[in-house]
C-alpha cells in the first residue's frame, strides 16, 4: 500500500519528489546511503504545534527535544522559528547554545547529569529538571560554588500508562525517571529545595512516553501534575511558574495508523490546567512542551541503493541495500515499522513480497520484513520514510560502517548538513600502544 504524506509528490518519471527535488537525482548527486530532510516540513510542523497550544493558553513555550535529531542544521531551523531546547547531555546543550538558543530558553532533562554538565547548565541559566535527591544536593552545591542560584524544576513520575513500546514508556511508576508521587517523594523534594539558598524553584515536569497516538495519557498526566501543583502551593506556598508536560505526541508510521493531532492534545490538557488554576486560585503558569518526533519525524527519509537480490523459494525475496541498522536502529531495537518504497518506481504496483536487509553481519540487520514492492532490480533506490526522529540520532558504526551523509532540502535547493563519515573519521580516536609498535 502506497503511503505518501502531503509534503511528498511523484513526478512524471515516477520518481519520489521531496522538497521540490527528485530523490533519484539527489542520490546520484550526493551518493547513498543518504538522509534527506525537508526544511519546510519541519517549519510547518513547529508552527502547527505552537499554534495548537498558543490559541488555547496565553503563555506557551515549545522546547525542541534534541534527542530526536541533534543535527545542527535541524536545530538551527527550529531556533529560527523561535523554539527553545530540551537537552539531555552536555553536547546537546552546546549545540543549542551554538545555534543561538539562549540558556534561559532551555530545559535540561535526564536521570544522570554529571558535575560538568550541571556546571555548564547553571552557568547558562538553564532550567534543570532535577531527577533525584542526590542530584538536588549536587545542583545546590555547584550553584553555591559558582555564586549563582540554579533555576530548577522537579521531574515527577506520574504513573501514567501509555500504549507504546515498553522501552519508551517513561511515565510508569517502575520507570527510572522522576520523583515518585504516590509515596510522597515528589512533595518531599519541594520541601527540601525550599530550604536551600542556592536553588530557585520554577517548575514541575513529567513525561509519559514517546510515540503516543491517544490523547487520554496526556489528559491523565495533566490532572496528576496539576494536583501536585495545587498541593505544593497549599503546603509550602510555592507558586509553580512552569508546568512542563514533556513531549510524546507520535506520528503515523504505518498505513492505517491513527494520527494524533496536537489540537486534540491541547484542547484536553489546557482544559485541565485552566480548570485547576481557576478552582484553586493558582497563579497562571507558563506551559512548557518538549516535542521531538512530532516536529522532525516525517520530515526526513533515508535513501538506500539496492545491491543484491536473493530469492528463496516459498519465502520472501531478500533485498540487500547499502543502509541497515547502522543508519536506522528502530526496526532492530523496537521491531518498529518504517514504510518502504522504491523511489524510482513510485507508480509501479507493489505486488512482490520481500525482506529489506542492510549490509551488516547481523541477522537483526533489517529495515523491513514481509513488505510488498514492485519487481526489485539491482541499482533501484529504496526510500525508507519517517526517519527524522531517532534515525541519525541512534545511528552507529557497527562493522565499521560509516554513518550516512545528510542533506537539507528547501524549495528546490539542497545542501549537505552532515558529511558522510570516512575511514579517518572512524579511526581518528584510536591509538596503538607503544609496546605493539
Foldseek 3Di string as FASTA:
>chain_A
DDDDDPQWDADPLRFIDHQNDGPVVVCVVANDFEKEFALVLLLVLVVQLCCLQCVLAVFEAEAAECLFPQQLVSLLSVVVVVHHHEYAAQVSVVSRVVSPHQQCRYEYDDQDYDLVRLLVSQVRQHEYAHWDPVVLVSNLVSLVVVVAAHHYEHEAQLQFDAPDFPVFQQNHQPHSTTAYPVVCRRVVSLVVNVPGDRYDYAAYEYEGGAQGADLVSLLSLLLSQLVVQLVSCVPPVDAHAEYEHEEHQRADQDVPDHHRRSSVNSVRNSVSLVVSCVVSVGDRHRYYYHYYLSSTQQRMKTKWFWADWADDPPFAIETETADWCLQPVCCLPRVDAWDKAFSSNNPDDFAGFHWYAYDAPDPSTGRGHRGTYPDDDGGTMMMTGRCRTRRNSVHHQHVNNWHHWYWYHHNHDIDTSGHTDDPCNSPVPDDDDPVVD
